[in-house]
Amino acid sequence: MLVRLDIHSLAVIEALELEFSPGMTALTGETGAGKSILVDALALALGERADSQAIRSGADRCTVTAAFDLGTRADVAAWLVEQDLDADGECILRRIVTTDGRSRGYINGHSVPMQTLRAVGERLVDICGQQAHQSLRFRQVQRAMLDGFGGHERLLQRMTDSHANWQLLRDEFDGLNAARQDREARRELLTYQVAELTTLGLTDEELAEIERDHARAANAGHITTALTDAIERLYEADSGTAHAAIAAARRDLVELQAFDDELAPLAEMLGEAEILITETTQALRRHAERIEHDPGLLRRLDQRLADIHELARKHRIAPDELPDLTTRLGAELATLEATDGRLDALESELAAATQALQKAATALTRARGKAAQALAAQVTGHLQELGMTGGRFEVGCTTNSPDQITPDGVDRIEFRVAINPGQAAGPLAKVASGGELSRISLALQVVAIANNAIPTLIFDEVDAGIGGGVAEIVGMRLRELAGERQVLCVTHLPQVASQADAHLRVVKLSDGQSTQTTVTRLTQDERVEEIARMLGGIKITARTRDHATEMLGAVHKKKSGIKR
């Protein structure tokens, strides 16, 4: 439960430290005193959206700290341990908001993101705002309230997961299926092109080899003649060959070595030249022998080159790019063929996902139907106590067509109410007046909250538009809730405030220069004065005080089990 709330520099609050006790606590005060600011401050500590405009004038930041005793909430304690935020059965939430719009959150002294602050806050506090009844006009709020009452969290998660999986498969299937005709045309073209390129079979090195062989075959005669002439000049001519000249020069230098030993290396160099000419001549002979005058080979090479260049022109690329094109088009064709296979598999997967989705929706629909009956019965019972005698509350669950399925299911939830006996029930948003809507909202909140395990409940003027005996019943219901959990109630009604175990009075003070809000825990005598103020307005009489004393005494007798 909430044990302490510290607020600094928020709106009209300069500094405020409040301690809370178990049971029901009433917060009262004049309109505009700042009662709801306390609720807003707590919401801030729980991770709600921050507004730097709410920082007190003259301050550079506001700070709100809320301390909770986890008591028997072992689930929250375990969650904190999992998050490495444990503090021995205590949970301290702190929020700092600066004038530059920055906001920081802490749990037990550890800095955490806002979603973590909200996650633990949702486990500790449930705030029912004074405008809650307005949101009841919306279908999504009605659906969420029914699901919360029925405890459909697991069914909703199953529904969400099933829909997400179905949607993912459906989008993929629709995308592939929509392009099937274009893909088929492309696949036929690629099949032809890949077959043509594969038949050509050009490799990366082949084009250079073909061009070289073609040049050799086309100039075979000229090459042979040139090689023969070279061999003659180097070695085979009857006279004047390069080999003979070098050999003669080498012999002369060898003879002259006797007179000049420095000629020896030069003679050796000439000897090496002789050997080189001999080896070159042999290589020329071998090459000349390989040169063939084959007209058929030249025709084949001409045709091969023509085929290569023709296919390159068809694809508007250079001939040497054909091997890479073959690889790329082949890969694209393989992808298209795999896509067709994926489409077949998707059809089967989508059918299974659709079946799973329908099962999840059916289970959720069935659970909602049962919850709708229980919620309608309980709320109808509370409406009788809240002054709507003969009123009837209904929850309509209409199953939409399967093609209208959403992550929230396939049901159309509508709250309906009959205000008077014998009257047909109509949509809540159209039939109920403001005051009736407020009472219906309160009944719904009491029923819904009674079915959750949140340890601290905050009611912020949810009794607006209610008075007289109905207000007393509202107070009694809130006190009943406080028997099992902590209840904080911001109220203007003495019938509600008198039911509380503890009473806090909120007062706004001003010295003409600045304004601030203070909160005082009231003694029994002070409670009489405050209840009397709420009963009598500006002028408080002895009779008003007696009435206030009687109201508080009656509540005390009920708590003590003494019959009036």
Protein backbone atom coordinates (compact mmCIF):
# COMPACT_ATOMS: atom_id res chain seq x y z
CA MET A 1 0.00 0.00 0.00
CA LEU A 2 0.96 3.67 -0.30
CA VAL A 3 2.63 4.80 2.93
CA ARG A 4 4.18 8.15 2.00
CA LEU A 5 3.93 10.83 -0.67
CA ASP A 6 6.45 13.68 -0.87
CA ILE A 7 5.82 16.53 -3.31
CA HIS A 8 8.10 19.47 -4.03
CA SER A 9 7.41 22.43 -6.36
CA LEU A 10 4.38 21.04 -8.18
CA ALA A 11 1.74 23.62 -9.19
CA VAL A 12 0.54 25.33 -5.98
CA ILE A 13 2.40 22.86 -3.77
CA GLU A 14 5.73 24.15 -2.51
CA ALA A 15 6.61 21.24 -0.24
CA LEU A 16 4.30 18.57 1.12
CA GLU A 17 4.94 15.32 2.97
CA LEU A 18 1.97 13.01 3.53
CA GLU A 19 1.70 9.70 5.33
CA PHE A 20 -1.09 7.26 4.56
CA SER A 21 -2.64 4.42 6.52
CA PRO A 22 -4.60 1.29 5.58
CA GLY A 23 -8.33 1.41 5.01
CA MET A 24 -10.22 4.33 3.52
CA THR A 25 -8.81 7.86 3.51
CA ALA A 26 -10.93 10.84 2.44
CA LEU A 27 -9.40 13.97 0.92
CA THR A 28 -11.68 16.98 1.13
CA GLY A 29 -11.46 20.74 0.71
CA GLU A 30 -12.91 23.66 -1.14
CA THR A 31 -13.13 23.58 -4.92
CA GLY A 32 -9.77 24.62 -6.35
CA ALA A 33 -7.86 23.88 -3.15
CA GLY A 34 -5.68 21.35 -4.96
CA LYS A 35 -7.17 18.00 -4.01
CA SER A 36 -6.80 16.56 -7.51
CA ILE A 37 -3.23 17.86 -7.69
CA LEU A 38 -2.35 15.22 -5.09
CA VAL A 39 -3.74 12.57 -7.41
CA ASP A 40 -1.86 14.11 -10.33
CA ALA A 41 1.35 14.06 -8.29
CA LEU A 42 0.93 10.39 -7.52
CA ALA A 43 0.20 9.68 -11.19
CA LEU A 44 3.45 11.49 -12.02
CA ALA A 45 5.37 9.19 -9.69
CA LEU A 46 3.69 6.24 -11.41
CA GLY A 47 5.12 7.26 -14.78
CA GLU A 48 2.30 9.29 -16.31
CA ARG A 49 3.06 11.95 -18.91
CA ALA A 50 4.85 14.99 -17.46
CA ASP A 51 4.20 18.64 -18.26
CA SER A 52 6.92 21.15 -17.39
CA GLN A 53 4.18 23.82 -17.15
CA ALA A 54 3.07 22.18 -13.89
CA ILE A 55 6.33 23.11 -12.14
CA ARG A 56 5.78 25.72 -9.44
CA SER A 57 6.63 29.27 -10.49
CA GLY A 58 10.21 30.14 -9.55
CA ALA A 59 11.39 26.54 -9.30
CA ASP A 60 13.63 24.82 -11.83
CA ARG A 61 12.20 21.37 -11.25
CA CYS A 62 9.55 19.41 -9.37
CA THR A 63 10.03 16.15 -7.51
CA VAL A 64 7.48 13.55 -6.44
CA THR A 65 8.36 10.53 -4.30
CA ALA A 66 5.88 7.76 -3.49
CA ALA A 67 6.80 5.01 -1.01
CA PHE A 68 4.92 1.70 -0.95
CA ASP A 69 4.93 -1.13 1.55
CA LEU A 70 4.63 -4.26 -0.59
CA GLY A 71 3.18 -6.31 2.28
CA THR A 72 1.75 -9.49 0.82
CA ARG A 73 2.37 -8.47 -2.80
CA ALA A 74 4.97 -11.17 -3.39
CA ASP A 75 4.41 -10.87 -7.13
CA VAL A 76 5.55 -7.24 -7.17
CA ALA A 77 8.52 -8.04 -4.93
CA ALA A 78 9.51 -10.87 -7.26
CA TRP A 79 9.20 -8.56 -10.28
CA LEU A 80 11.49 -6.02 -8.63
CA VAL A 81 14.03 -8.77 -7.90
CA GLU A 82 13.94 -9.84 -11.56
CA GLN A 83 14.62 -6.22 -12.56
CA ASP A 84 17.45 -5.88 -9.99
CA LEU A 85 15.41 -3.20 -8.19
CA ASP A 86 14.68 -5.01 -4.93
CA ALA A 87 14.68 -3.06 -1.61
CA ASP A 88 13.52 -5.59 1.03
CA GLY A 89 9.76 -5.35 0.73
CA GLU A 90 9.67 -1.64 -0.04
CA CYS A 91 9.15 0.15 -3.34
CA ILE A 92 10.07 3.82 -3.61
CA LEU A 93 9.13 5.56 -6.85
CA ARG A 94 10.64 8.94 -7.63
CA ARG A 95 10.02 11.28 -10.54
CA ILE A 96 11.89 14.48 -11.38
CA VAL A 97 10.65 16.91 -14.04
CA THR A 98 12.71 19.96 -15.05
CA THR A 99 11.64 23.19 -16.72
CA ASP A 100 13.41 22.22 -19.94
CA GLY A 101 10.94 19.33 -20.31
CA ARG A 102 13.30 16.55 -19.25
CA SER A 103 12.02 13.84 -16.98
CA ARG A 104 13.78 11.15 -14.96
CA GLY A 105 12.36 8.19 -13.07
CA TYR A 106 13.79 6.09 -10.24
CA ILE A 107 12.79 2.87 -8.49
CA ASN A 108 14.48 2.24 -5.16
CA GLY A 109 17.22 4.68 -6.13
CA HIS A 110 17.90 3.12 -9.55
CA SER A 111 17.35 5.20 -12.67
CA VAL A 112 14.77 3.52 -14.91
CA PRO A 113 12.93 4.34 -18.16
CA MET A 114 9.35 5.57 -17.96
CA GLN A 115 7.89 2.29 -19.20
CA THR A 116 9.48 0.49 -16.24
CA LEU A 117 8.07 3.07 -13.84
CA ARG A 118 4.63 2.60 -15.40
CA ALA A 119 4.97 -1.19 -15.30
CA VAL A 120 5.45 -1.27 -11.52
CA GLY A 121 2.91 1.53 -11.02
CA GLU A 122 0.21 -0.51 -12.73
CA ARG A 123 0.81 -3.27 -10.19
CA LEU A 124 0.51 -0.95 -7.20
CA VAL A 125 -2.16 1.69 -7.88
CA ASP A 126 -5.40 2.00 -9.83
CA ILE A 127 -6.63 5.58 -10.34
CA CYS A 128 -10.29 6.18 -11.18
CA GLY A 129 -10.53 9.74 -12.43
CA GLN A 130 -13.49 12.07 -12.18
CA GLN A 131 -13.92 11.98 -15.97
CA ALA A 132 -13.91 8.18 -16.13
CA HIS A 133 -17.61 8.10 -16.90
CA GLN A 134 -17.05 10.16 -20.05
CA SER A 135 -14.77 7.49 -21.52
CA LEU A 136 -17.54 4.92 -21.07
CA ARG A 137 -19.11 6.30 -24.24
CA PHE A 138 -16.37 4.70 -26.30
CA ARG A 139 -16.69 1.10 -27.47
CA GLN A 140 -13.00 0.32 -27.01
CA VAL A 141 -13.24 1.39 -23.35
CA GLN A 142 -16.28 -0.81 -22.85
CA ARG A 143 -14.48 -3.76 -24.41
CA ALA A 144 -11.38 -3.19 -22.27
CA MET A 145 -13.50 -2.96 -19.12
CA LEU A 146 -15.27 -6.23 -19.92
CA ASP A 147 -11.96 -7.98 -20.62
CA GLY A 148 -10.48 -6.62 -17.42
CA PHE A 149 -13.47 -7.84 -15.43
CA GLY A 150 -13.31 -11.26 -17.06
CA GLY A 151 -9.53 -11.63 -16.59
CA HIS A 152 -8.99 -12.26 -20.29
CA GLU A 153 -5.30 -11.31 -20.34
CA ARG A 154 -4.08 -14.70 -21.58
CA LEU A 155 -6.86 -15.01 -24.15
CA LEU A 156 -6.13 -11.49 -25.39
CA GLN A 157 -2.42 -12.24 -25.66
CA ARG A 158 -3.19 -15.41 -27.59
CA MET A 159 -5.51 -13.40 -29.81
CA THR A 160 -2.90 -10.69 -30.40
CA ASP A 161 -0.14 -13.20 -31.17
CA SER A 162 -2.37 -15.23 -33.47
CA HIS A 163 -3.50 -12.14 -35.35
CA ALA A 164 0.07 -10.84 -35.70
CA ASN A 165 1.23 -14.18 -37.14
CA TRP A 166 -1.80 -14.39 -39.45
CA GLN A 167 -1.32 -10.79 -40.63
CA LEU A 168 2.37 -11.36 -41.34
CA LEU A 169 1.63 -14.45 -43.45
CA ARG A 170 -1.34 -12.79 -45.12
CA ASP A 171 0.70 -9.73 -46.14
CA GLU A 172 3.46 -11.92 -47.55
CA PHE A 173 0.98 -14.13 -49.38
CA ASP A 174 -0.96 -11.18 -50.82
CA GLY A 175 2.25 -9.51 -51.95
CA LEU A 176 3.55 -12.60 -53.72
CA ASN A 177 0.17 -13.55 -55.12
CA ALA A 178 -0.54 -10.06 -56.49
CA ALA A 179 2.69 -10.15 -58.50
CA ARG A 180 2.21 -13.72 -59.66
CA GLN A 181 1.18 -12.83 -63.24
CA ASP A 182 4.08 -10.43 -63.72
CA ARG A 183 6.39 -12.91 -62.07
CA GLU A 184 5.27 -15.70 -64.42
CA ALA A 185 5.96 -13.56 -67.48
CA ARG A 186 9.36 -12.66 -66.09
CA ARG A 187 10.10 -16.29 -65.29
CA GLU A 188 9.31 -17.36 -68.88
CA LEU A 189 11.60 -14.66 -70.27
CA LEU A 190 14.38 -15.58 -67.88
CA THR A 191 14.04 -19.27 -68.67
CA TYR A 192 14.57 -18.51 -72.38
CA GLN A 193 17.42 -16.09 -71.74
CA VAL A 194 19.25 -18.35 -69.30
CA ALA A 195 18.88 -21.30 -71.69
CA GLU A 196 20.32 -19.19 -74.54
CA LEU A 197 23.23 -17.98 -72.44
CA THR A 198 23.87 -21.45 -71.05
CA THR A 199 23.91 -22.88 -74.57
CA LEU A 200 26.49 -20.27 -75.54
CA GLY A 201 28.49 -21.34 -72.51
CA LEU A 202 30.96 -18.47 -72.57
CA THR A 203 33.42 -18.52 -69.66
CA ASP A 204 35.36 -15.61 -68.19
CA GLU A 205 38.68 -16.45 -69.96
CA GLU A 206 37.29 -17.93 -73.15
CA LEU A 207 36.68 -14.69 -75.07
CA ALA A 208 40.33 -13.63 -74.85
CA GLU A 209 41.44 -17.11 -75.95
CA ILE A 210 39.03 -17.12 -78.89
CA GLU A 211 40.13 -13.67 -80.02
CA ARG A 212 43.78 -14.74 -79.81
CA ASP A 213 43.19 -18.00 -81.69
CA HIS A 214 41.14 -16.17 -84.31
CA ALA A 215 43.88 -13.61 -84.90
CA ARG A 216 46.43 -16.43 -85.24
CA ALA A 217 44.29 -18.48 -87.60
CA ALA A 218 43.43 -15.44 -89.76
CA ASN A 219 47.15 -14.53 -90.12
CA ALA A 220 48.64 -18.02 -90.23
CA GLY A 221 50.43 -17.52 -93.57
CA HIS A 222 51.99 -14.23 -92.62
CA ILE A 223 53.08 -15.62 -89.25
CA THR A 224 54.65 -18.71 -90.82
CA THR A 225 56.59 -16.61 -93.34
CA ALA A 226 57.83 -14.26 -90.67
CA LEU A 227 58.92 -17.14 -88.44
CA THR A 228 60.80 -18.82 -91.31
CA ASP A 229 62.62 -15.59 -92.13
CA ALA A 230 63.54 -15.11 -88.48
CA ILE A 231 64.93 -18.64 -88.22
CA GLU A 232 66.97 -18.12 -91.39
CA ARG A 233 68.45 -14.85 -90.13
CA LEU A 234 69.26 -16.21 -86.72
CA TYR A 235 70.67 -19.62 -87.54
CA GLU A 236 69.96 -21.41 -90.82
CA ALA A 237 71.14 -19.06 -93.57
CA ASP A 238 74.19 -20.24 -95.51
CA SER A 239 76.08 -17.18 -94.41
CA GLY A 240 75.67 -14.04 -92.41
CA THR A 241 73.46 -15.45 -89.66
CA ALA A 242 73.32 -13.81 -86.27
CA HIS A 243 74.55 -17.01 -84.66
CA ALA A 244 77.57 -17.24 -86.95
CA ALA A 245 78.50 -13.59 -86.41
CA ILE A 246 78.31 -13.87 -82.64
CA ALA A 247 80.25 -17.16 -82.68
CA ALA A 248 83.06 -15.55 -84.71
CA ALA A 249 83.23 -12.57 -82.42
CA ARG A 250 83.38 -14.86 -79.37
CA ARG A 251 86.28 -16.86 -80.87
CA ASP A 252 88.23 -13.65 -81.56
CA LEU A 253 87.83 -12.48 -77.99
CA VAL A 254 88.89 -15.88 -76.65
CA GLU A 255 92.13 -15.62 -78.65
CA LEU A 256 92.73 -12.09 -77.37
CA GLN A 257 92.37 -13.15 -73.73
CA ALA A 258 96.05 -14.05 -73.72
CA PHE A 259 96.84 -10.38 -74.14
CA ASP A 260 93.92 -8.86 -72.22
CA ASP A 261 92.31 -10.97 -69.50
CA GLU A 262 89.50 -8.41 -69.05
CA LEU A 263 88.00 -9.75 -72.31
CA ALA A 264 87.17 -13.08 -70.70
CA PRO A 265 83.82 -11.95 -69.23
CA LEU A 266 82.83 -10.38 -72.52
CA ALA A 267 83.62 -13.61 -74.33
CA GLU A 268 81.42 -15.45 -71.85
CA MET A 269 78.58 -13.01 -72.52
CA LEU A 270 78.87 -13.71 -76.26
CA GLY A 271 78.78 -17.40 -75.46
CA GLU A 272 75.56 -16.94 -73.60
CA ALA A 273 74.19 -15.00 -76.56
CA GLU A 274 75.01 -17.96 -78.82
CA ILE A 275 73.10 -20.28 -76.53
CA LEU A 276 70.16 -17.86 -76.34
CA ILE A 277 69.99 -17.59 -80.15
CA THR A 278 70.08 -21.34 -80.44
CA GLU A 279 67.27 -21.78 -77.90
CA THR A 280 65.22 -19.00 -79.52
CA THR A 281 65.59 -20.63 -82.90
CA GLN A 282 64.38 -23.95 -81.52
CA ALA A 283 61.36 -22.24 -79.93
CA LEU A 284 60.55 -20.51 -83.23
CA ARG A 285 60.68 -23.84 -85.05
CA ARG A 286 58.29 -25.43 -82.53
CA HIS A 287 55.87 -22.50 -82.77
CA ALA A 288 55.98 -22.60 -86.56
CA GLU A 289 55.10 -26.28 -86.47
CA ARG A 290 51.95 -25.49 -84.46
CA ILE A 291 50.68 -22.92 -86.92
CA GLU A 292 48.02 -24.64 -89.01
CA HIS A 293 46.49 -23.39 -92.20
CA ASP A 294 43.01 -24.75 -91.37
CA PRO A 295 40.16 -22.91 -93.13
CA GLY A 296 37.61 -24.91 -91.10
CA LEU A 297 39.06 -23.74 -87.80
CA LEU A 298 38.90 -20.13 -88.95
CA ARG A 299 35.26 -20.53 -89.95
CA ARG A 300 34.41 -22.06 -86.58
CA LEU A 301 36.15 -19.24 -84.73
CA ASP A 302 34.38 -16.66 -86.91
CA GLN A 303 31.05 -18.21 -86.06
CA ARG A 304 31.83 -18.41 -82.35
CA LEU A 305 32.75 -14.74 -82.23
CA ALA A 306 29.66 -13.81 -84.22
CA ASP A 307 27.44 -15.71 -81.76
CA ILE A 308 29.09 -13.99 -78.79
CA HIS A 309 28.77 -10.50 -80.24
CA GLU A 310 25.21 -11.10 -81.38
CA LEU A 311 24.08 -12.17 -77.88
CA ALA A 312 25.97 -9.25 -76.33
CA ARG A 313 24.16 -6.83 -78.66
CA LYS A 314 20.83 -8.42 -77.76
CA HIS A 315 21.44 -7.74 -74.05
CA ARG A 316 23.12 -4.40 -74.77
CA ILE A 317 26.31 -5.24 -72.92
CA ALA A 318 29.96 -5.80 -73.79
CA PRO A 319 30.84 -9.38 -74.86
CA ASP A 320 33.07 -9.91 -71.83
CA GLU A 321 30.06 -9.19 -69.55
CA LEU A 322 28.09 -12.21 -70.79
CA PRO A 323 29.41 -14.70 -68.16
CA ASP A 324 28.40 -12.36 -65.32
CA LEU A 325 24.98 -11.82 -66.94
CA THR A 326 24.49 -15.59 -67.10
CA THR A 327 25.14 -15.84 -63.36
CA ARG A 328 22.84 -12.96 -62.47
CA LEU A 329 19.90 -14.07 -64.59
CA GLY A 330 20.30 -17.62 -63.34
CA ALA A 331 20.15 -16.42 -59.75
CA GLU A 332 17.04 -14.34 -60.48
CA LEU A 333 15.36 -17.30 -62.13
CA ALA A 334 16.18 -19.49 -59.12
CA THR A 335 14.67 -16.86 -56.83
CA LEU A 336 11.48 -16.71 -58.86
CA GLU A 337 11.16 -20.47 -58.87
CA ALA A 338 11.75 -20.49 -55.10
CA THR A 339 9.10 -17.78 -54.74
CA ASP A 340 6.56 -19.98 -56.44
CA GLY A 341 7.45 -22.72 -54.00
CA ARG A 342 7.18 -20.24 -51.09
CA LEU A 343 3.74 -19.21 -52.31
CA ASP A 344 2.57 -22.81 -52.20
CA ALA A 345 3.97 -23.21 -48.70
CA LEU A 346 2.45 -19.89 -47.60
CA GLU A 347 -0.97 -21.03 -48.71
CA SER A 348 -0.72 -23.97 -46.34
CA GLU A 349 0.77 -21.88 -43.50
CA LEU A 350 -1.88 -19.21 -43.93
CA ALA A 351 -4.66 -21.78 -43.73
CA ALA A 352 -3.21 -23.09 -40.44
CA ALA A 353 -2.77 -19.56 -39.09
CA THR A 354 -6.36 -18.68 -40.04
CA GLN A 355 -7.62 -21.73 -38.19
CA ALA A 356 -5.54 -20.81 -35.10
CA LEU A 357 -6.84 -17.24 -35.29
CA GLN A 358 -10.44 -18.38 -35.48
CA LYS A 359 -9.92 -20.70 -32.49
CA ALA A 360 -8.43 -17.85 -30.47
CA ALA A 361 -11.31 -15.57 -31.43
CA THR A 362 -13.88 -18.23 -30.59
CA ALA A 363 -12.33 -18.83 -27.16
CA LEU A 364 -12.28 -15.08 -26.47
CA THR A 365 -15.89 -14.70 -27.65
CA ARG A 366 -17.03 -17.52 -25.39
CA ALA A 367 -15.21 -16.02 -22.38
CA ARG A 368 -16.61 -12.57 -23.11
CA GLY A 369 -20.13 -13.98 -23.24
CA LYS A 370 -19.78 -15.47 -19.76
CA ALA A 371 -18.12 -12.34 -18.37
CA ALA A 372 -20.83 -10.15 -19.93
CA GLN A 373 -23.57 -11.99 -18.04
CA ALA A 374 -21.71 -11.76 -14.72
CA LEU A 375 -20.80 -8.09 -15.21
CA ALA A 376 -24.36 -7.16 -16.17
CA ALA A 377 -25.79 -8.91 -13.12
CA GLN A 378 -23.35 -7.32 -10.67
CA VAL A 379 -23.64 -3.80 -12.11
CA THR A 380 -27.44 -4.06 -12.19
CA GLY A 381 -27.37 -4.98 -8.50
CA HIS A 382 -25.25 -1.94 -7.68
CA LEU A 383 -27.50 0.35 -9.74
CA GLN A 384 -30.44 -0.53 -7.51
CA GLU A 385 -28.42 0.58 -4.49
CA LEU A 386 -27.30 3.76 -6.26
CA GLY A 387 -30.82 5.07 -6.67
CA MET A 388 -31.61 3.65 -10.11
CA THR A 389 -34.39 1.38 -8.89
CA GLY A 390 -35.63 -0.82 -11.70
CA GLY A 391 -32.65 0.10 -13.84
CA ARG A 392 -31.02 -2.67 -15.80
CA PHE A 393 -27.51 -2.93 -17.18
CA GLU A 394 -26.69 -5.18 -20.13
CA VAL A 395 -23.56 -6.05 -22.06
CA GLY A 396 -24.13 -6.82 -25.71
CA CYS A 397 -21.65 -9.14 -27.41
CA THR A 398 -22.17 -9.30 -31.15
CA THR A 399 -19.90 -11.46 -33.26
CA ASN A 400 -18.81 -9.74 -36.45
CA SER A 401 -18.13 -11.55 -39.70
CA PRO A 402 -14.79 -13.43 -39.84
CA ASP A 403 -13.34 -10.93 -42.31
CA GLN A 404 -13.64 -8.20 -39.65
CA ILE A 405 -11.34 -9.91 -37.18
CA THR A 406 -8.86 -7.66 -35.34
CA PRO A 407 -6.13 -8.14 -32.71
CA ASP A 408 -8.90 -7.53 -30.14
CA GLY A 409 -11.06 -10.32 -31.47
CA VAL A 410 -14.16 -10.47 -33.58
CA ASP A 411 -16.66 -9.15 -31.05
CA ARG A 412 -18.58 -5.89 -30.99
CA ILE A 413 -19.05 -4.97 -27.33
CA GLU A 414 -21.75 -2.49 -26.35
CA PHE A 415 -22.87 -1.43 -22.89
CA ARG A 416 -26.63 -0.90 -22.77
CA VAL A 417 -28.86 0.34 -20.01
CA ALA A 418 -32.56 0.61 -19.24
CA ILE A 419 -33.14 3.50 -16.85
CA ASN A 420 -36.75 2.68 -15.94
CA PRO A 421 -38.63 -0.60 -15.37
CA GLY A 422 -40.15 -2.03 -18.53
CA GLN A 423 -37.99 0.17 -20.71
CA ALA A 424 -35.96 -1.41 -23.50
CA ALA A 425 -32.22 -1.18 -22.95
CA GLY A 426 -30.41 1.24 -25.25
CA PRO A 427 -26.78 2.20 -25.90
CA LEU A 428 -25.20 3.65 -22.78
CA ALA A 429 -23.88 6.71 -24.60
CA LYS A 430 -27.34 7.68 -25.87
CA VAL A 431 -29.70 6.67 -23.08
CA ALA A 432 -28.00 7.76 -19.84
CA SER A 433 -27.87 11.36 -18.63
CA GLY A 434 -24.76 12.85 -17.04
CA GLY A 435 -25.78 11.94 -13.49
CA GLU A 436 -26.92 8.46 -14.50
CA LEU A 437 -23.75 7.91 -16.45
CA SER A 438 -21.74 8.91 -13.39
CA ARG A 439 -23.54 6.36 -11.22
CA ILE A 440 -23.21 3.63 -13.84
CA SER A 441 -19.51 4.43 -14.09
CA LEU A 442 -19.11 4.16 -10.34
CA ALA A 443 -20.94 0.84 -10.27
CA LEU A 444 -18.71 -0.46 -13.06
CA GLN A 445 -15.57 0.71 -11.30
CA VAL A 446 -16.58 -0.86 -8.01
CA VAL A 447 -17.35 -4.15 -9.73
CA ALA A 448 -14.21 -4.10 -11.89
CA ILE A 449 -11.88 -3.11 -9.05
CA ALA A 450 -13.33 -5.75 -6.77
CA ASN A 451 -12.06 -8.30 -9.26
CA ASN A 452 -8.44 -7.13 -9.40
CA ALA A 453 -5.61 -7.38 -6.91
CA ILE A 454 -4.31 -3.80 -7.04
CA PRO A 455 -3.50 -2.90 -3.40
CA THR A 456 -4.19 0.86 -3.60
CA LEU A 457 -7.28 2.39 -5.21
CA ILE A 458 -7.65 6.11 -5.88
CA PHE A 459 -11.10 7.62 -6.53
CA ASP A 460 -10.87 11.19 -7.76
CA GLU A 461 -14.36 12.72 -7.41
CA VAL A 462 -16.01 9.73 -9.05
CA ASP A 463 -19.10 10.58 -6.97
CA ALA A 464 -19.75 13.75 -8.98
CA GLY A 465 -23.46 14.20 -9.75
CA ILE A 466 -24.54 12.00 -6.83
CA GLY A 467 -26.12 13.11 -3.56
CA GLY A 468 -28.44 12.21 -0.70
CA GLY A 469 -28.92 8.59 0.24
CA VAL A 470 -27.18 7.44 -2.89
CA ALA A 471 -24.03 9.24 -1.77
CA GLU A 472 -24.13 7.37 1.53
CA ILE A 473 -24.38 4.08 -0.32
CA VAL A 474 -21.40 5.11 -2.46
CA GLY A 475 -19.43 5.76 0.72
CA MET A 476 -20.44 2.39 2.12
CA ARG A 477 -19.28 0.64 -1.06
CA LEU A 478 -15.95 2.42 -0.94
CA ARG A 479 -15.56 1.48 2.72
CA GLU A 480 -16.29 -2.14 1.85
CA LEU A 481 -13.51 -2.05 -0.74
CA ALA A 482 -11.22 -0.58 1.92
CA GLY A 483 -11.73 -3.72 3.99
CA GLU A 484 -9.41 -5.59 1.65
CA ARG A 485 -7.22 -2.84 0.22
CA GLN A 486 -6.24 0.77 0.64
CA VAL A 487 -8.74 3.33 -0.70
CA LEU A 488 -8.05 7.04 -1.18
CA CYS A 489 -11.08 9.10 -2.12
CA VAL A 490 -11.17 12.73 -3.23
CA THR A 491 -14.73 13.85 -2.57
CA HIS A 492 -17.08 16.81 -2.01
CA LEU A 493 -19.75 14.66 -0.38
CA PRO A 494 -19.99 14.48 3.43
CA GLN A 495 -21.85 11.17 3.12
CA VAL A 496 -18.74 9.70 1.50
CA ALA A 497 -16.11 11.48 3.61
CA SER A 498 -17.79 10.41 6.85
CA GLN A 499 -17.27 6.76 5.93
CA ALA A 500 -13.47 7.09 5.87
CA ASP A 501 -11.07 5.70 8.45
CA ALA A 502 -8.79 8.72 8.02
CA HIS A 503 -9.51 12.24 6.80
CA LEU A 504 -7.17 14.71 5.09
CA ARG A 505 -8.21 18.31 4.52
CA VAL A 506 -6.69 20.23 1.61
CA VAL A 507 -6.45 24.02 1.97
CA LYS A 508 -5.10 26.64 -0.40
CA LEU A 509 -3.36 29.57 1.32
CA SER A 510 -2.30 32.89 -0.19
CA ASP A 511 -0.50 35.92 1.22
CA GLY A 512 -1.19 38.02 -1.87
CA GLN A 513 2.27 37.29 -3.25
CA SER A 514 2.25 33.52 -3.55
CA THR A 515 -0.17 30.64 -3.20
CA GLN A 516 0.40 27.21 -1.78
CA THR A 517 -1.60 24.15 -0.83
CA THR A 518 -1.36 22.45 2.56
CA VAL A 519 -2.79 19.14 3.73
CA THR A 520 -3.75 18.39 7.32
CA ARG A 521 -4.68 15.05 8.89
CA LEU A 522 -7.82 15.77 10.91
CA THR A 523 -8.59 14.75 14.45
CA GLN A 524 -12.05 13.54 15.35
CA ASP A 525 -13.16 17.02 16.40
CA GLU A 526 -11.66 18.54 13.26
CA ARG A 527 -13.49 15.95 11.20
CA VAL A 528 -16.75 17.12 12.73
CA GLU A 529 -15.98 20.67 11.63
CA GLU A 530 -15.01 19.59 8.12
CA ILE A 531 -18.08 17.38 7.67
CA ALA A 532 -20.19 20.24 9.00
CA ARG A 533 -18.61 22.60 6.48
CA MET A 534 -19.41 20.14 3.70
CA LEU A 535 -22.98 19.89 4.95
CA GLY A 536 -23.70 23.51 5.75
CA GLY A 537 -21.64 25.58 3.39
CA ILE A 538 -20.53 29.05 4.54
CA LYS A 539 -22.51 29.27 7.82
CA ILE A 540 -22.04 26.34 10.16
CA THR A 541 -24.65 26.01 12.90
CA ALA A 542 -24.84 23.84 16.00
CA ARG A 543 -27.42 21.72 14.24
CA THR A 544 -25.02 21.21 11.34
CA ARG A 545 -22.30 20.12 13.76
CA ASP A 546 -24.72 17.76 15.46
CA HIS A 547 -25.60 16.28 12.08
CA ALA A 548 -21.91 15.84 11.29
CA THR A 549 -21.30 14.22 14.68
CA GLU A 550 -24.23 11.90 14.09
CA MET A 551 -22.93 10.89 10.66
CA LEU A 552 -19.48 10.09 12.04
CA GLY A 553 -20.95 8.32 15.04
CA ALA A 554 -23.19 6.19 12.87
CA VAL A 555 -20.23 5.08 10.82
CA HIS A 556 -18.30 4.28 13.99
CA LYS A 557 -21.15 2.15 15.30
CA LYS A 558 -21.33 0.22 12.03
CA LYS A 559 -17.61 -0.43 12.13
CA SER A 560 -17.89 -1.60 15.75
CA GLY A 561 -20.76 -3.90 14.90
CA ILE A 562 -23.26 -1.97 17.14
CA LYS A 563 -26.78 -1.76 15.79
CA ARG A 564 -28.35 1.64 15.67
